[in-house]
Amino acid sequence: MRWRRVDRTEPGAESLRQRCEARVRALRLPRGAAIQVVCERIGDARGRPIQVVPLDLPIANVDGLWVSTSDVDYIAVERRLAPVHRDQVILHELGHLICDHDSTPLVTLDALGTLFGSLDPKWVARVLAREHTRSEAELEAELVGSLIARRIGAWTASRGFVVPPEARDLARRLSDLLEPGER
């Protein structure tokens, strides 16, 4: 997964954001929902379950991918990622589902059947043909994933902390050591 800030000067950047925000609002996700609840909500809306499968993927390759079969959507995610990174990868892949992204085959179904004999060539084509660059689909999936994370996450832009009463004296003394602009 590549991170990139949307350039507001790009034509259509605002409509992309508005489109993604509308999709996330339509999910009506409860604040603080767990990733599993998000998967269930999206799976219910699609009429098919979503299963997250943690795997040891090749290092320096992909961190996650979405594989759609005739009756289940699978999201494979690198097992060794930090939890917040793993969640963002899952949310990015869910973004593809929410946005109803598809792919265009790069090779024939017969060729895929030869290469991946035991797998349905239609589903292999759908995964392999997806573009993993700065395409609008990738930007859209990333933005949808980030908007969901903002909705369900416990992270905030606020830098305030609740200091328990027994640590207030220590916190005050440590704060006094800082320059006024760093407090």
C-alpha atoms as a PDB file:
ATOM      1  CA  MET A   1       0.000   0.000   0.000  1.00  0.00           C
ATOM      2  CA  ARG A   2       1.317   3.426  -0.915  1.00  0.00           C
ATOM      3  CA  TRP A   3       0.333   6.528   0.962  1.00  0.00           C
ATOM      4  CA  ARG A   4      -0.311   9.741  -0.897  1.00  0.00           C
ATOM      5  CA  ARG A   5      -2.051  12.934   0.091  1.00  0.00           C
ATOM      6  CA  VAL A   6      -4.764  13.982  -2.345  1.00  0.00           C
ATOM      7  CA  ASP A   7      -3.636  17.140  -4.143  1.00  0.00           C
ATOM      8  CA  ARG A   8      -6.616  19.511  -3.928  1.00  0.00           C
ATOM      9  CA  THR A   9      -5.396  21.238  -7.106  1.00  0.00           C
ATOM     10  CA  GLU A  10      -5.913  18.084  -9.195  1.00  0.00           C
ATOM     11  CA  PRO A  11      -9.065  18.199 -11.328  1.00  0.00           C
ATOM     12  CA  GLY A  12     -11.773  16.127  -9.652  1.00  0.00           C
ATOM     13  CA  ALA A  13      -9.973  15.873  -6.288  1.00  0.00           C
ATOM     14  CA  GLU A  14     -12.862  17.374  -4.354  1.00  0.00           C
ATOM     15  CA  SER A  15     -15.452  15.241  -6.108  1.00  0.00           C
ATOM     16  CA  LEU A  16     -13.375  12.149  -5.227  1.00  0.00           C
ATOM     17  CA  ARG A  17     -13.415  13.141  -1.565  1.00  0.00           C
ATOM     18  CA  GLN A  18     -17.138  13.937  -1.640  1.00  0.00           C
ATOM     19  CA  ARG A  19     -17.895  10.618  -3.336  1.00  0.00           C
ATOM     20  CA  CYS A  20     -15.846   8.699  -0.752  1.00  0.00           C
ATOM     21  CA  GLU A  21     -17.375  10.560   2.198  1.00  0.00           C
ATOM     22  CA  ALA A  22     -20.871   9.789   0.878  1.00  0.00           C
ATOM     23  CA  ARG A  23     -20.029   6.086   0.594  1.00  0.00           C
ATOM     24  CA  VAL A  24     -18.699   5.945   4.150  1.00  0.00           C
ATOM     25  CA  ARG A  25     -21.714   7.864   5.531  1.00  0.00           C
ATOM     26  CA  ALA A  26     -24.041   5.402   3.773  1.00  0.00           C
ATOM     27  CA  LEU A  27     -22.489   2.549   5.778  1.00  0.00           C
ATOM     28  CA  ARG A  28     -23.810   4.083   9.025  1.00  0.00           C
ATOM     29  CA  LEU A  29     -20.961   2.589  10.998  1.00  0.00           C
ATOM     30  CA  PRO A  30     -21.126   3.042  14.759  1.00  0.00           C
ATOM     31  CA  ARG A  31     -18.267   5.084  16.247  1.00  0.00           C
ATOM     32  CA  GLY A  32     -15.603   2.828  17.704  1.00  0.00           C
ATOM     33  CA  ALA A  33     -16.747  -0.260  15.752  1.00  0.00           C
ATOM     34  CA  ALA A  34     -14.239  -3.102  15.513  1.00  0.00           C
ATOM     35  CA  ILE A  35     -12.851  -4.109  12.112  1.00  0.00           C
ATOM     36  CA  GLN A  36     -14.880  -7.333  12.319  1.00  0.00           C
ATOM     37  CA  VAL A  37     -18.096  -5.314  12.733  1.00  0.00           C
ATOM     38  CA  VAL A  38     -17.154  -3.233   9.665  1.00  0.00           C
ATOM     39  CA  CYS A  39     -16.561  -6.446   7.669  1.00  0.00           C
ATOM     40  CA  GLU A  40     -19.912  -7.863   8.796  1.00  0.00           C
ATOM     41  CA  ARG A  41     -21.761  -4.632   7.928  1.00  0.00           C
ATOM     42  CA  ILE A  42     -20.222  -4.464   4.447  1.00  0.00           C
ATOM     43  CA  GLY A  43     -20.695  -8.215   3.911  1.00  0.00           C
ATOM     44  CA  ASP A  44     -24.380  -7.928   4.850  1.00  0.00           C
ATOM     45  CA  ALA A  45     -24.815  -5.038   2.408  1.00  0.00           C
ATOM     46  CA  ARG A  46     -23.147  -7.080  -0.360  1.00  0.00           C
ATOM     47  CA  GLY A  47     -25.079 -10.245   0.510  1.00  0.00           C
ATOM     48  CA  ARG A  48     -21.897 -12.296   1.003  1.00  0.00           C
ATOM     49  CA  PRO A  49     -19.505 -12.785   3.908  1.00  0.00           C
ATOM     50  CA  ILE A  50     -16.097 -11.157   4.134  1.00  0.00           C
ATOM     51  CA  GLN A  51     -13.336 -13.184   5.727  1.00  0.00           C
ATOM     52  CA  VAL A  52     -10.041 -11.653   6.816  1.00  0.00           C
ATOM     53  CA  VAL A  53      -7.179 -14.121   6.417  1.00  0.00           C
ATOM     54  CA  PRO A  54      -3.870 -13.231   8.113  1.00  0.00           C
ATOM     55  CA  LEU A  55      -0.972 -14.684   6.102  1.00  0.00           C
ATOM     56  CA  ASP A  56       2.808 -14.512   5.959  1.00  0.00           C
ATOM     57  CA  LEU A  57       3.060 -12.746   2.604  1.00  0.00           C
ATOM     58  CA  PRO A  58       6.397 -12.337   0.814  1.00  0.00           C
ATOM     59  CA  ILE A  59       8.378  -9.524   2.453  1.00  0.00           C
ATOM     60  CA  ALA A  60       8.621  -6.272   0.454  1.00  0.00           C
ATOM     61  CA  ASN A  61       5.702  -7.355  -1.705  1.00  0.00           C
ATOM     62  CA  VAL A  62       2.029  -6.644  -0.982  1.00  0.00           C
ATOM     63  CA  ASP A  63       0.656  -6.060   2.505  1.00  0.00           C
ATOM     64  CA  GLY A  64      -2.827  -7.196   1.588  1.00  0.00           C
ATOM     65  CA  LEU A  65      -5.147  -8.148  -1.221  1.00  0.00           C
ATOM     66  CA  TRP A  66      -8.798  -8.811  -1.892  1.00  0.00           C
ATOM     67  CA  VAL A  67      -9.841 -12.076  -3.513  1.00  0.00           C
ATOM     68  CA  SER A  68     -13.452 -12.468  -4.539  1.00  0.00           C
ATOM     69  CA  THR A  69     -14.955 -15.896  -5.152  1.00  0.00           C
ATOM     70  CA  SER A  70     -18.470 -16.734  -6.256  1.00  0.00           C
ATOM     71  CA  ASP A  71     -19.803 -16.624  -2.682  1.00  0.00           C
ATOM     72  CA  VAL A  72     -17.167 -15.132  -0.326  1.00  0.00           C
ATOM     73  CA  ASP A  73     -14.853 -12.123  -0.316  1.00  0.00           C
ATOM     74  CA  TYR A  74     -11.450 -12.804   1.239  1.00  0.00           C
ATOM     75  CA  ILE A  75      -9.063 -10.146   2.439  1.00  0.00           C
ATOM     76  CA  ALA A  76      -5.574 -11.537   2.846  1.00  0.00           C
ATOM     77  CA  VAL A  77      -3.412  -9.357   5.091  1.00  0.00           C
ATOM     78  CA  GLU A  78       0.220  -9.614   6.152  1.00  0.00           C
ATOM     79  CA  ARG A  79       0.189 -11.181   9.609  1.00  0.00           C
ATOM     80  CA  ARG A  80       3.415  -9.468  10.779  1.00  0.00           C
ATOM     81  CA  LEU A  81       2.202  -5.880  10.367  1.00  0.00           C
ATOM     82  CA  ALA A  82       1.675  -3.609  13.352  1.00  0.00           C
ATOM     83  CA  PRO A  83      -2.008  -3.691  14.341  1.00  0.00           C
ATOM     84  CA  VAL A  84      -2.771  -0.137  13.155  1.00  0.00           C
ATOM     85  CA  HIS A  85      -1.071  -0.830   9.796  1.00  0.00           C
ATOM     86  CA  ARG A  86      -2.888  -4.158   9.448  1.00  0.00           C
ATOM     87  CA  ASP A  87      -6.229  -2.444  10.113  1.00  0.00           C
ATOM     88  CA  GLN A  88      -5.490   0.230   7.493  1.00  0.00           C
ATOM     89  CA  VAL A  89      -4.629  -2.462   4.923  1.00  0.00           C
ATOM     90  CA  ILE A  90      -7.910  -4.255   5.676  1.00  0.00           C
ATOM     91  CA  LEU A  91      -9.836  -0.980   5.421  1.00  0.00           C
ATOM     92  CA  HIS A  92      -8.124  -0.185   2.104  1.00  0.00           C
ATOM     93  CA  GLU A  93      -9.190  -3.548   0.690  1.00  0.00           C
ATOM     94  CA  LEU A  94     -12.705  -2.988   2.041  1.00  0.00           C
ATOM     95  CA  GLY A  95     -12.585   0.330   0.192  1.00  0.00           C
ATOM     96  CA  HIS A  96     -12.321  -1.622  -3.073  1.00  0.00           C
ATOM     97  CA  LEU A  97     -15.456  -3.574  -2.148  1.00  0.00           C
ATOM     98  CA  ILE A  98     -17.380  -0.486  -1.036  1.00  0.00           C
ATOM     99  CA  CYS A  99     -16.503   1.303  -4.272  1.00  0.00           C
ATOM    100  CA  ASP A 100     -17.405  -1.803  -6.296  1.00  0.00           C
ATOM    101  CA  HIS A 101     -14.032  -1.831  -8.039  1.00  0.00           C
ATOM    102  CA  ASP A 102     -13.395  -4.417 -10.665  1.00  0.00           C
ATOM    103  CA  SER A 103     -10.526  -5.245 -12.946  1.00  0.00           C
ATOM    104  CA  THR A 104      -9.859  -5.789 -16.586  1.00  0.00           C
ATOM    105  CA  PRO A 105      -8.121  -9.084 -17.418  1.00  0.00           C
ATOM    106  CA  LEU A 106      -4.545  -8.803 -18.674  1.00  0.00           C
ATOM    107  CA  VAL A 107      -4.361 -12.408 -19.901  1.00  0.00           C
ATOM    108  CA  THR A 108      -6.889 -14.885 -21.236  1.00  0.00           C
ATOM    109  CA  LEU A 109      -8.883 -17.114 -18.923  1.00  0.00           C
ATOM    110  CA  ASP A 110      -7.440 -20.181 -20.685  1.00  0.00           C
ATOM    111  CA  ALA A 111      -3.896 -19.018 -19.878  1.00  0.00           C
ATOM    112  CA  LEU A 112      -4.805 -18.430 -16.248  1.00  0.00           C
ATOM    113  CA  GLY A 113      -6.400 -21.880 -16.070  1.00  0.00           C
ATOM    114  CA  THR A 114      -3.115 -23.384 -17.249  1.00  0.00           C
ATOM    115  CA  LEU A 115      -1.045 -21.369 -14.774  1.00  0.00           C
ATOM    116  CA  PHE A 116      -3.345 -21.821 -11.768  1.00  0.00           C
ATOM    117  CA  GLY A 117      -4.958 -25.174 -12.459  1.00  0.00           C
ATOM    118  CA  SER A 118      -6.869 -25.646  -9.205  1.00  0.00           C
ATOM    119  CA  LEU A 119      -8.211 -22.082  -9.014  1.00  0.00           C
ATOM    120  CA  ASP A 120     -11.098 -20.616 -10.966  1.00  0.00           C
ATOM    121  CA  PRO A 121      -9.425 -18.506 -13.694  1.00  0.00           C
ATOM    122  CA  LYS A 122     -12.088 -15.777 -13.442  1.00  0.00           C
ATOM    123  CA  TRP A 123     -11.175 -15.106  -9.806  1.00  0.00           C
ATOM    124  CA  VAL A 124      -7.440 -15.253 -10.440  1.00  0.00           C
ATOM    125  CA  ALA A 125      -7.876 -12.724 -13.260  1.00  0.00           C
ATOM    126  CA  ARG A 126      -9.792 -10.391 -10.993  1.00  0.00           C
ATOM    127  CA  VAL A 127      -6.947 -10.296  -8.456  1.00  0.00           C
ATOM    128  CA  LEU A 128      -3.984 -10.242 -10.817  1.00  0.00           C
ATOM    129  CA  ALA A 129      -5.344  -7.619 -13.152  1.00  0.00           C
ATOM    130  CA  ARG A 130      -5.963  -4.990 -10.506  1.00  0.00           C
ATOM    131  CA  GLU A 131      -3.777  -1.926 -10.836  1.00  0.00           C
ATOM    132  CA  HIS A 132      -1.672  -1.098  -7.779  1.00  0.00           C
ATOM    133  CA  THR A 133      -0.493   2.400  -8.566  1.00  0.00           C
ATOM    134  CA  ARG A 134      -1.790   5.934  -8.320  1.00  0.00           C
ATOM    135  CA  SER A 135      -4.934   5.016 -10.227  1.00  0.00           C
ATOM    136  CA  GLU A 136      -8.203   6.612  -9.196  1.00  0.00           C
ATOM    137  CA  ALA A 137      -9.394   3.226  -7.891  1.00  0.00           C
ATOM    138  CA  GLU A 138      -6.389   2.942  -5.566  1.00  0.00           C
ATOM    139  CA  LEU A 139      -6.769   6.543  -4.385  1.00  0.00           C
ATOM    140  CA  GLU A 140     -10.475   5.975  -3.843  1.00  0.00           C
ATOM    141  CA  ALA A 141      -9.914   2.755  -1.862  1.00  0.00           C
ATOM    142  CA  GLU A 142      -7.254   4.415   0.279  1.00  0.00           C
ATOM    143  CA  LEU A 143      -9.420   7.445   0.994  1.00  0.00           C
ATOM    144  CA  VAL A 144     -12.454   5.301   1.861  1.00  0.00           C
ATOM    145  CA  GLY A 145     -10.275   3.186   4.178  1.00  0.00           C
ATOM    146  CA  SER A 146      -8.909   6.306   5.875  1.00  0.00           C
ATOM    147  CA  LEU A 147     -12.371   7.820   6.294  1.00  0.00           C
ATOM    148  CA  ILE A 148     -13.624   4.595   7.886  1.00  0.00           C
ATOM    149  CA  ALA A 149     -10.578   4.532  10.176  1.00  0.00           C
ATOM    150  CA  ARG A 150     -11.356   8.093  11.261  1.00  0.00           C
ATOM    151  CA  ARG A 151     -14.962   7.088  11.960  1.00  0.00           C
ATOM    152  CA  ILE A 152     -14.230   3.930  13.946  1.00  0.00           C
ATOM    153  CA  GLY A 153     -10.774   4.694  15.344  1.00  0.00           C
ATOM    154  CA  ALA A 154      -9.817   5.891  18.763  1.00  0.00           C
ATOM    155  CA  TRP A 155      -7.147   8.188  17.351  1.00  0.00           C
ATOM    156  CA  THR A 156      -7.687  11.898  17.473  1.00  0.00           C
ATOM    157  CA  ALA A 157      -5.906  15.026  16.357  1.00  0.00           C
ATOM    158  CA  SER A 158      -6.182  16.349  19.910  1.00  0.00           C
ATOM    159  CA  ARG A 159      -2.979  16.138  21.905  1.00  0.00           C
ATOM    160  CA  GLY A 160      -4.703  16.098  25.278  1.00  0.00           C
ATOM    161  CA  PHE A 161      -4.070  13.293  27.712  1.00  0.00           C
ATOM    162  CA  VAL A 162      -5.905  12.226  30.819  1.00  0.00           C
ATOM    163  CA  VAL A 163      -3.382  12.065  33.630  1.00  0.00           C
ATOM    164  CA  PRO A 164      -4.410   9.890  36.564  1.00  0.00           C
ATOM    165  CA  PRO A 165      -4.414  11.746  39.909  1.00  0.00           C
ATOM    166  CA  GLU A 166      -1.473   9.760  41.253  1.00  0.00           C
ATOM    167  CA  ALA A 167       0.729  10.851  38.318  1.00  0.00           C
ATOM    168  CA  ARG A 168      -0.227  14.548  38.155  1.00  0.00           C
ATOM    169  CA  ASP A 169       2.662  15.768  40.298  1.00  0.00           C
ATOM    170  CA  LEU A 170       5.180  13.823  38.175  1.00  0.00           C
ATOM    171  CA  ALA A 171       3.570  15.052  34.934  1.00  0.00           C
ATOM    172  CA  ARG A 172       3.737  18.663  36.154  1.00  0.00           C
ATOM    173  CA  ARG A 173       7.432  18.334  37.112  1.00  0.00           C
ATOM    174  CA  LEU A 174       8.303  16.725  33.747  1.00  0.00           C
ATOM    175  CA  SER A 175       6.363  19.423  31.920  1.00  0.00           C
ATOM    176  CA  ASP A 176       8.335  22.101  33.773  1.00  0.00           C
ATOM    177  CA  LEU A 177      11.524  20.692  32.211  1.00  0.00           C
ATOM    178  CA  LEU A 178      10.268  21.478  28.714  1.00  0.00           C
ATOM    179  CA  GLU A 179      10.683  24.773  26.912  1.00  0.00           C
ATOM    180  CA  PRO A 180       7.420  26.808  26.935  1.00  0.00           C
ATOM    181  CA  GLY A 181       6.766  26.107  23.211  1.00  0.00           C
ATOM    182  CA  GLU A 182       7.140  22.331  23.690  1.00  0.00           C
ATOM    183  CA  ARG A 183       4.528  21.976  26.447  1.00  0.00           C
END
